[in-house]
Amino acid sequence: MNPILSSLLFLAAAASPASSRLEQLVEANVLGTHAFQVALARREGRGDPACYSPGALTDAQLAALEAHQAALMRADAQAVRAWAEEKASAFDPRADLEPLLASGLALSDSLPVNVFTRWLAPRVPVSPSEGRAGRTRASRVQARAIASLFQANLEVERDGDRLQELFAFYAGLGLPVYLGQLGLPGTDEAFLAMGRELEGKSCPSPVGTSAAEWQIAGRKNWNWGEKNLGIRDDKVLARELLEEPDVKALVPRIKALPAQRIAVVGHSFTMQQHWSTPGAFVPVVTAIFARESPRVEFRQFQGGGLTSTRAMSRFYADVVAWKPQQVLLVVINRTDEDLESFRRLGRGLAEAGAKVLTFDDVHDPKGTADGRRDRELAVARETGMTVIEVSRLLAAAPERDRFLCLDGIHMTEPYHRLMAKEWLKLLVGAREAALPGRQ
């Protein structure tokens, strides 16, 4: 069969009235995400009107569709799966599923979600039981589910909420959620090759569709898929590190550490909620202690791009109220106001009885301005913070060329493994704050 015709039939079958219940659930999410992106295109003045037309729908009706999608994904996972399998279930499709399917929104062939579906469909493996007839509904819905995740992946502002809900929803239905489950390669080079094949095939959109942006979407899908399935996450990295000789040797020290509270006030480099790495160094160290010495309690006070000024206004009172024995600050100082807030954080937390720690440099490309680095370190020492030296180790690391992830800002697994080890060593007294050999 002509491959273009085959792809069009694939799409038509996914949305047909005779679609399986599983297909209906996936297509409802495609429509819900599209409703959001139609509104996004209108607000930002970006996107081909032919692709992102609301039709007869008002802004309020588009918002209602997006709300139906949110409610659908909050439905009881077991009940939704039972309904999809045509078993007895308390799930009511009339509440949120049917309004999405009946929305009347048109899905242009050149939308990124449909372009990606056509790219992926021929790559879905067909089991011997499916025979030469080609794509059965089982393989069709697998491709469409992952295309739906890519549709949300391309929205860079909803990684922490809607995208994660989609991963959980599809995993709960037993659907694959990332390309690795289909046997496709997961290297950055493979994702760039994919991006080059997809570039230029989508209509102008409120989301990026360059080769590099498709590449990032591929990496995000892979890393988030492995995280959500527990294949590779902070807990897996913790187990792996505990098997490495230099970390295994620290276990007696970890177990001997007194019960205490350790707070972390940090930006995205400390957070698990990013796609760049299976596990950020703070959650990895937290997972190590959860396994070996759970009486040491960690709590994160976090926010993307967190400056000292924002940390002071958003988290200071809560950190003090929690009464930690130690506080690690990983914050950004871009202005004089930030530096003054950094000073207030250091003094205030110390007066509240906490030992305050910070790193000499975490190599954040968009972090503290270079012109303020020396002033930041001076403030840290002036207020009695312990400055943990890691910059020389990061600069000399054999894998330093692999630290920076595809977005040019955040850090990959090798970086976080190194940082986890150094902070862990400091916590258990296996290294000094300053490295030996400093002149």
Protein backbone atom coordinates (compact mmCIF):
# COMPACT_ATOMS: atom_id res chain seq x y z
CA MET A 1 0.00 0.00 0.00
CA ASN A 2 1.15 3.56 -0.66
CA PRO A 3 2.77 4.71 2.62
CA ILE A 4 0.96 8.07 2.60
CA LEU A 5 -2.41 6.39 2.11
CA SER A 6 -1.52 3.86 4.81
CA SER A 7 -0.74 6.67 7.24
CA LEU A 8 -3.98 8.49 6.47
CA LEU A 9 -5.96 5.31 7.03
CA PHE A 10 -4.09 4.88 10.31
CA LEU A 11 -5.22 8.33 11.46
CA ALA A 12 -8.76 7.88 10.26
CA ALA A 13 -9.14 4.59 12.10
CA ALA A 14 -7.89 6.16 15.33
CA ALA A 15 -10.72 8.69 15.31
CA SER A 16 -13.52 6.62 13.79
CA PRO A 17 -16.78 5.97 15.66
CA ALA A 18 -15.87 2.28 15.72
CA SER A 19 -12.61 2.95 17.55
CA SER A 20 -11.86 0.83 20.56
CA ARG A 21 -12.38 2.29 24.00
CA LEU A 22 -8.62 2.49 24.45
CA GLU A 23 -8.32 4.53 21.25
CA GLN A 24 -11.11 6.81 22.40
CA LEU A 25 -9.25 7.57 25.62
CA VAL A 26 -6.07 8.42 23.74
CA GLU A 27 -7.85 10.50 21.12
CA ALA A 28 -9.68 12.42 23.84
CA ASN A 29 -6.32 13.46 25.25
CA VAL A 30 -5.08 14.49 21.82
CA LEU A 31 -8.16 16.71 21.50
CA GLY A 32 -7.78 18.12 25.03
CA THR A 33 -4.16 19.05 24.42
CA HIS A 34 -5.08 20.51 21.05
CA ALA A 35 -7.79 22.66 22.66
CA PHE A 36 -5.14 24.09 24.98
CA GLN A 37 -2.76 24.70 22.08
CA VAL A 38 -5.47 26.38 20.01
CA ALA A 39 -5.98 28.82 22.89
CA LEU A 40 -2.20 29.18 23.23
CA ALA A 41 -1.87 30.01 19.53
CA ARG A 42 -4.55 32.67 19.88
CA ARG A 43 -2.98 34.26 22.98
CA GLU A 44 0.54 34.34 21.55
CA GLY A 45 -0.39 35.12 17.96
CA ARG A 46 1.58 32.10 16.77
CA GLY A 47 0.43 29.22 14.64
CA ASP A 48 -1.29 28.66 11.31
CA PRO A 49 -4.99 29.57 11.72
CA ALA A 50 -5.89 26.68 9.44
CA CYS A 51 -4.24 24.25 11.87
CA TYR A 52 -5.22 25.94 15.12
CA SER A 53 -8.75 27.04 14.35
CA PRO A 54 -11.24 26.92 17.23
CA GLY A 55 -14.05 26.47 14.73
CA ALA A 56 -17.25 27.54 16.42
CA LEU A 57 -15.80 27.18 19.91
CA THR A 58 -15.38 30.18 22.20
CA ASP A 59 -12.43 30.69 24.53
CA ALA A 60 -14.61 29.50 27.41
CA GLN A 61 -15.50 26.31 25.53
CA LEU A 62 -11.83 25.64 24.75
CA ALA A 63 -11.02 26.08 28.44
CA ALA A 64 -13.88 23.71 29.31
CA LEU A 65 -12.38 21.04 27.04
CA GLU A 66 -8.99 21.43 28.71
CA ALA A 67 -10.76 21.07 32.08
CA HIS A 68 -12.47 17.89 30.86
CA GLN A 69 -9.06 16.47 29.95
CA ALA A 70 -7.69 17.32 33.39
CA ALA A 71 -10.67 15.64 35.04
CA LEU A 72 -10.35 12.58 32.79
CA MET A 73 -6.79 12.04 33.91
CA ARG A 74 -7.80 12.38 37.55
CA ALA A 75 -10.31 9.55 37.20
CA ASP A 76 -9.60 6.32 39.06
CA ALA A 77 -6.99 4.50 36.98
CA GLN A 78 -8.29 1.02 37.73
CA ALA A 79 -11.85 2.00 36.85
CA VAL A 80 -10.74 3.62 33.56
CA ARG A 81 -8.72 0.55 32.60
CA ALA A 82 -11.59 -1.77 33.44
CA TRP A 83 -13.89 0.31 31.24
CA ALA A 84 -11.36 0.26 28.40
CA GLU A 85 -11.26 -3.52 28.68
CA GLU A 86 -15.09 -3.62 28.62
CA LYS A 87 -15.29 -4.94 32.17
CA ALA A 88 -17.58 -3.80 34.96
CA SER A 89 -16.50 -0.30 35.97
CA ALA A 90 -17.62 2.78 37.86
CA PHE A 91 -16.03 5.02 35.21
CA ASP A 92 -18.61 7.23 33.50
CA PRO A 93 -17.49 8.24 29.98
CA ARG A 94 -20.30 10.79 29.76
CA ALA A 95 -18.67 13.07 32.33
CA ASP A 96 -15.41 13.97 30.57
CA LEU A 97 -14.58 11.53 27.76
CA GLU A 98 -17.59 12.09 25.53
CA PRO A 99 -17.46 15.92 25.66
CA LEU A 100 -13.88 15.75 24.37
CA LEU A 101 -14.71 13.32 21.58
CA ALA A 102 -17.74 15.41 20.59
CA SER A 103 -15.84 18.72 20.66
CA GLY A 104 -15.89 19.17 16.89
CA LEU A 105 -12.26 20.33 16.91
CA ALA A 106 -10.57 19.59 13.59
CA LEU A 107 -7.13 17.94 13.66
CA SER A 108 -5.27 19.05 10.54
CA ASP A 109 -2.97 16.48 8.88
CA SER A 110 -0.09 18.93 9.33
CA LEU A 111 -0.42 19.30 13.09
CA PRO A 112 2.77 18.12 14.85
CA VAL A 113 0.85 15.32 16.59
CA ASN A 114 -0.34 13.94 13.26
CA VAL A 115 3.02 14.44 11.55
CA PHE A 116 4.66 12.47 14.35
CA THR A 117 1.99 9.77 14.25
CA ARG A 118 2.71 9.21 10.57
CA TRP A 119 6.44 9.06 11.28
CA LEU A 120 6.03 6.59 14.14
CA ALA A 121 3.27 4.34 12.79
CA PRO A 122 5.47 2.28 10.41
CA ARG A 123 8.05 1.89 13.19
CA VAL A 124 5.70 0.25 15.70
CA PRO A 125 6.73 -3.42 15.83
CA VAL A 126 4.08 -5.87 14.61
CA SER A 127 3.90 -9.17 16.45
CA PRO A 128 3.69 -12.42 14.46
CA SER A 129 0.08 -12.80 15.60
CA GLU A 130 -0.78 -9.58 13.79
CA GLY A 131 0.34 -11.06 10.50
CA ARG A 132 0.92 -9.39 7.17
CA ALA A 133 -2.31 -7.42 7.33
CA GLY A 134 -0.30 -4.65 8.96
CA ARG A 135 -1.22 -2.31 11.77
CA THR A 136 -3.83 -3.67 14.11
CA ARG A 137 -5.64 -1.49 16.58
CA ALA A 138 -3.19 -2.60 19.28
CA SER A 139 -0.16 -1.20 17.44
CA ARG A 140 -2.12 1.81 16.18
CA VAL A 141 -3.08 2.96 19.65
CA GLN A 142 0.51 2.49 20.88
CA ALA A 143 1.80 4.91 18.28
CA ARG A 144 -0.99 7.39 18.91
CA ALA A 145 -0.40 7.36 22.69
CA ILE A 146 3.28 8.21 22.27
CA ALA A 147 2.40 10.84 19.65
CA SER A 148 0.04 12.36 22.22
CA LEU A 149 2.91 12.53 24.72
CA PHE A 150 5.12 14.21 22.13
CA GLN A 151 2.30 16.67 21.49
CA ALA A 152 2.53 17.69 25.16
CA ASN A 153 6.34 17.34 25.23
CA LEU A 154 6.64 20.15 22.71
CA GLU A 155 4.94 22.48 25.22
CA VAL A 156 7.92 23.36 27.39
CA GLU A 157 5.85 25.01 30.15
CA ARG A 158 3.74 22.00 31.23
CA ASP A 159 6.42 19.41 31.98
CA GLY A 160 5.62 19.37 35.66
CA ASP A 161 1.85 18.92 35.51
CA ARG A 162 -0.11 17.91 32.40
CA LEU A 163 2.73 15.91 30.84
CA GLN A 164 3.25 13.90 34.02
CA GLU A 165 -0.49 13.26 34.27
CA LEU A 166 -0.45 11.94 30.71
CA PHE A 167 2.44 9.59 31.47
CA ALA A 168 0.61 8.21 34.50
CA PHE A 169 -2.68 7.91 32.61
CA TYR A 170 -1.23 5.94 29.70
CA ALA A 171 0.94 3.78 31.94
CA GLY A 172 -2.17 2.96 33.97
CA LEU A 173 -3.85 1.80 30.76
CA GLY A 174 -0.91 -0.48 29.97
CA LEU A 175 0.16 1.59 26.97
CA PRO A 176 3.80 2.29 26.09
CA VAL A 177 4.87 5.78 27.09
CA TYR A 178 8.31 6.18 25.50
CA LEU A 179 10.10 5.11 22.36
CA GLY A 180 12.33 2.62 24.12
CA GLN A 181 9.33 0.37 24.72
CA LEU A 182 8.95 0.09 20.94
CA GLY A 183 12.57 -0.92 20.48
CA LEU A 184 13.67 2.41 18.98
CA PRO A 185 17.13 3.83 19.80
CA GLY A 186 17.48 6.42 22.56
CA THR A 187 20.66 8.34 21.74
CA ASP A 188 20.76 12.08 21.17
CA GLU A 189 22.07 11.34 17.69
CA ALA A 190 19.04 9.15 16.92
CA PHE A 191 16.70 11.88 18.17
CA LEU A 192 18.42 14.48 16.00
CA ALA A 193 18.07 12.21 12.96
CA MET A 194 14.39 11.89 13.83
CA GLY A 195 14.12 15.67 14.13
CA ARG A 196 15.66 16.19 10.73
CA GLU A 197 13.11 13.85 9.20
CA LEU A 198 10.25 15.70 10.93
CA GLU A 199 11.47 19.28 10.46
CA GLY A 200 9.45 21.32 8.00
CA LYS A 201 6.55 18.87 7.85
CA SER A 202 4.33 20.61 10.44
CA CYS A 203 2.30 23.75 10.02
CA PRO A 204 3.53 26.86 11.92
CA SER A 205 2.65 26.15 15.54
CA PRO A 206 2.73 27.71 19.01
CA VAL A 207 5.27 24.99 19.87
CA GLY A 208 8.72 24.57 18.36
CA THR A 209 9.16 22.03 15.56
CA SER A 210 12.73 22.54 14.41
CA ALA A 211 15.01 19.49 14.22
CA ALA A 212 16.63 20.51 17.52
CA GLU A 213 13.26 20.93 19.21
CA TRP A 214 12.08 17.52 18.02
CA GLN A 215 15.38 16.15 19.33
CA ILE A 216 14.73 17.62 22.77
CA ALA A 217 11.19 16.24 22.68
CA GLY A 218 12.66 12.80 21.99
CA ARG A 219 15.08 13.06 24.92
CA LYS A 220 12.35 14.35 27.19
CA ASN A 221 10.03 11.51 26.20
CA TRP A 222 12.75 8.92 26.83
CA ASN A 223 13.97 10.24 30.18
CA TRP A 224 10.50 10.98 31.52
CA GLY A 225 9.30 7.57 30.34
CA GLU A 226 12.06 5.78 32.22
CA LYS A 227 11.48 7.94 35.29
CA ASN A 228 7.74 7.37 35.37
CA LEU A 229 8.13 3.62 34.97
CA GLY A 230 10.89 3.43 37.60
CA ILE A 231 13.31 2.04 35.03
CA ARG A 232 15.85 4.80 35.64
CA ASP A 233 15.22 7.41 38.30
CA ASP A 234 16.72 8.84 41.49
CA LYS A 235 16.22 5.58 43.39
CA VAL A 236 17.92 3.55 40.66
CA LEU A 237 20.88 5.95 40.65
CA ALA A 238 21.06 5.69 44.44
CA ARG A 239 21.27 1.88 44.23
CA GLU A 240 23.93 2.09 41.54
CA LEU A 241 26.04 4.56 43.50
CA LEU A 242 25.83 2.42 46.61
CA GLU A 243 27.45 -0.38 44.61
CA GLU A 244 30.41 1.78 43.62
CA PRO A 245 33.42 1.16 45.90
CA ASP A 246 33.95 4.77 46.97
CA VAL A 247 30.30 5.18 47.98
CA LYS A 248 29.95 1.69 49.46
CA ALA A 249 32.84 2.58 51.77
CA LEU A 250 30.75 5.47 53.13
CA VAL A 251 27.83 3.29 54.28
CA PRO A 252 29.12 2.92 57.89
CA ARG A 253 29.44 6.69 58.11
CA ILE A 254 25.95 7.13 56.64
CA LYS A 255 24.47 4.75 59.21
CA ALA A 256 26.36 6.49 62.03
CA LEU A 257 25.12 9.99 61.18
CA PRO A 258 22.86 11.29 63.98
CA ALA A 259 19.16 11.83 63.35
CA GLN A 260 18.67 15.28 61.91
CA ARG A 261 16.80 17.43 59.43
CA ILE A 262 18.50 18.70 56.29
CA ALA A 263 16.76 21.33 54.19
CA VAL A 264 17.66 22.19 50.61
CA VAL A 265 16.67 25.56 49.17
CA GLY A 266 17.44 25.23 45.50
CA HIS A 267 16.81 25.89 41.85
CA SER A 268 16.23 23.31 39.11
CA PHE A 269 19.67 21.69 39.48
CA THR A 270 18.46 20.27 42.80
CA MET A 271 15.03 19.17 41.57
CA GLN A 272 13.81 15.79 40.37
CA GLN A 273 11.24 17.54 38.15
CA HIS A 274 13.41 17.94 35.08
CA TRP A 275 14.01 15.72 32.07
CA SER A 276 17.76 16.27 31.75
CA THR A 277 18.74 13.47 34.13
CA PRO A 278 17.19 10.36 35.68
CA GLY A 279 17.93 11.81 39.09
CA ALA A 280 19.17 15.17 40.37
CA PHE A 281 21.88 15.03 43.02
CA VAL A 282 19.65 16.10 45.93
CA PRO A 283 16.96 13.42 45.37
CA VAL A 284 19.71 10.84 44.75
CA VAL A 285 21.38 11.58 48.10
CA THR A 286 17.94 11.66 49.74
CA ALA A 287 17.25 8.18 48.31
CA ILE A 288 20.60 6.91 49.60
CA PHE A 289 19.75 7.99 53.13
CA ALA A 290 16.22 6.61 52.82
CA ARG A 291 17.79 3.21 52.17
CA GLU A 292 20.64 3.31 54.66
CA SER A 293 19.68 5.78 57.40
CA PRO A 294 16.08 7.00 57.21
CA ARG A 295 16.38 8.84 60.51
CA VAL A 296 18.18 11.59 58.54
CA GLU A 297 15.30 13.54 57.04
CA PHE A 298 15.52 15.71 53.92
CA ARG A 299 13.10 18.35 52.70
CA GLN A 300 13.33 20.42 49.53
CA PHE A 301 12.17 24.01 49.12
CA GLN A 302 12.51 24.41 45.39
CA GLY A 303 11.69 26.44 42.31
CA GLY A 304 13.01 26.72 38.79
CA GLY A 305 15.40 29.68 38.39
CA LEU A 306 15.25 30.31 42.15
CA THR A 307 17.05 33.52 43.12
CA SER A 308 17.97 34.45 46.67
CA THR A 309 15.31 37.16 46.61
CA ARG A 310 12.58 34.68 45.68
CA ALA A 311 13.93 32.14 48.16
CA MET A 312 13.77 34.73 50.94
CA SER A 313 10.19 35.72 50.19
CA ARG A 314 8.82 32.24 49.36
CA PHE A 315 10.65 29.82 51.62
CA TYR A 316 12.57 31.47 54.46
CA ALA A 317 9.77 31.39 57.04
CA ASP A 318 8.87 27.77 56.21
CA VAL A 319 12.48 26.62 56.41
CA VAL A 320 12.96 28.25 59.81
CA ALA A 321 9.67 26.76 61.05
CA TRP A 322 10.84 23.26 60.01
CA LYS A 323 13.91 23.69 62.30
CA PRO A 324 16.57 21.91 60.24
CA GLN A 325 20.05 21.27 61.58
CA GLN A 326 21.58 21.90 58.13
CA VAL A 327 20.49 23.97 55.12
CA LEU A 328 22.01 23.73 51.65
CA LEU A 329 21.54 26.84 49.51
CA VAL A 330 21.70 26.44 45.71
CA VAL A 331 20.35 29.80 44.59
CA ILE A 332 21.02 32.43 41.92
CA ASN A 333 22.28 35.96 42.52
CA ARG A 334 21.89 38.25 39.52
CA THR A 335 21.33 41.61 41.22
CA ASP A 336 22.48 43.53 44.27
CA GLU A 337 19.06 42.80 45.78
CA ASP A 338 19.74 39.09 45.34
CA LEU A 339 23.10 39.39 47.09
CA GLU A 340 21.49 41.21 50.00
CA SER A 341 18.82 38.48 50.20
CA PHE A 342 21.62 35.88 50.13
CA ARG A 343 23.19 37.66 53.10
CA ARG A 344 19.86 37.70 54.95
CA LEU A 345 19.32 33.99 54.25
CA GLY A 346 22.75 33.09 55.59
CA ARG A 347 22.48 35.17 58.74
CA GLY A 348 18.87 34.34 59.48
CA LEU A 349 19.24 30.58 59.07
CA ALA A 350 22.40 30.57 61.18
CA GLU A 351 20.65 32.56 63.92
CA ALA A 352 17.84 29.96 63.78
CA GLY A 353 20.41 27.30 64.66
CA ALA A 354 21.18 25.78 61.26
CA LYS A 355 24.54 25.06 59.70
CA VAL A 356 24.29 26.73 56.29
CA LEU A 357 26.13 25.30 53.29
CA THR A 358 26.57 26.42 49.71
CA PHE A 359 28.75 25.38 46.75
CA ASP A 360 31.52 27.54 45.34
CA ASP A 361 30.03 27.10 41.84
CA VAL A 362 27.53 24.60 40.40
CA HIS A 363 28.36 25.55 36.78
CA ASP A 364 24.88 26.88 36.04
CA PRO A 365 25.14 28.67 32.65
CA LYS A 366 22.29 30.99 33.62
CA GLY A 367 23.05 31.19 37.32
CA THR A 368 24.83 33.83 39.36
CA ALA A 369 26.36 36.46 37.09
CA ASP A 370 30.13 36.08 36.77
CA GLY A 371 30.67 39.60 38.02
CA ARG A 372 28.94 38.70 41.29
CA ARG A 373 30.57 35.31 41.89
CA ASP A 374 33.37 36.68 44.06
CA ARG A 375 30.95 38.90 45.94
CA GLU A 376 28.64 35.93 46.48
CA LEU A 377 31.45 33.87 47.99
CA ALA A 378 32.49 36.82 50.15
CA VAL A 379 28.93 37.11 51.48
CA ALA A 380 28.86 33.36 52.14
CA ARG A 381 32.02 33.50 54.23
CA GLU A 382 31.00 36.74 55.94
CA THR A 383 27.77 35.13 57.17
CA GLY A 384 29.50 31.93 58.30
CA MET A 385 28.28 29.62 55.53
CA THR A 386 30.30 26.50 54.77
CA VAL A 387 31.44 26.82 51.15
CA ILE A 388 31.77 23.39 49.52
CA GLU A 389 34.41 23.46 46.80
CA VAL A 390 33.37 21.49 43.73
CA SER A 391 34.30 23.77 40.84
CA ARG A 392 37.76 22.27 40.33
CA LEU A 393 36.33 18.74 40.34
CA LEU A 394 33.67 19.68 37.80
CA ALA A 395 36.21 21.41 35.54
CA ALA A 396 38.58 18.41 35.63
CA ALA A 397 35.96 15.64 35.41
CA PRO A 398 36.62 13.18 32.55
CA GLU A 399 32.96 13.39 31.52
CA ARG A 400 32.67 17.19 31.73
CA ASP A 401 31.97 17.44 27.99
CA ARG A 402 28.80 15.40 28.61
CA PHE A 403 27.52 17.51 31.52
CA LEU A 404 25.41 19.99 29.58
CA CYS A 405 22.07 18.68 28.32
CA LEU A 406 20.39 19.54 25.04
CA ASP A 407 18.73 22.70 26.35
CA GLY A 408 22.14 24.26 27.04
CA ILE A 409 21.23 24.97 30.67
CA HIS A 410 20.62 21.87 32.75
CA MET A 411 22.92 18.99 33.57
CA THR A 412 22.94 15.31 32.67
CA GLU A 413 23.44 12.19 34.76
CA PRO A 414 27.29 12.24 34.94
CA TYR A 415 27.18 15.71 36.51
CA HIS A 416 24.57 14.72 39.09
CA ARG A 417 26.44 11.54 40.01
CA LEU A 418 29.57 13.57 40.74
CA MET A 419 27.66 16.20 42.72
CA ALA A 420 25.79 13.53 44.70
CA LYS A 421 29.07 11.91 45.71
CA GLU A 422 30.69 15.15 46.80
CA TRP A 423 27.74 16.37 48.84
CA LEU A 424 27.35 12.93 50.41
CA LYS A 425 31.03 12.84 51.36
CA LEU A 426 30.72 16.26 52.95
CA LEU A 427 27.61 15.28 54.90
CA VAL A 428 29.22 12.20 56.43
CA GLY A 429 32.60 13.82 57.11
CA ALA A 430 34.55 11.98 54.42
CA ARG A 431 35.86 15.22 52.89
CA GLU A 432 36.52 18.78 53.95
CA ALA A 433 34.63 21.69 52.49
CA ALA A 434 37.80 22.91 50.76
CA LEU A 435 39.70 20.57 48.47
CA PRO A 436 43.39 19.92 49.17
CA GLY A 437 46.01 21.75 47.16
CA ARG A 438 44.33 25.17 46.95
CA GLN A 439 46.99 27.89 46.92
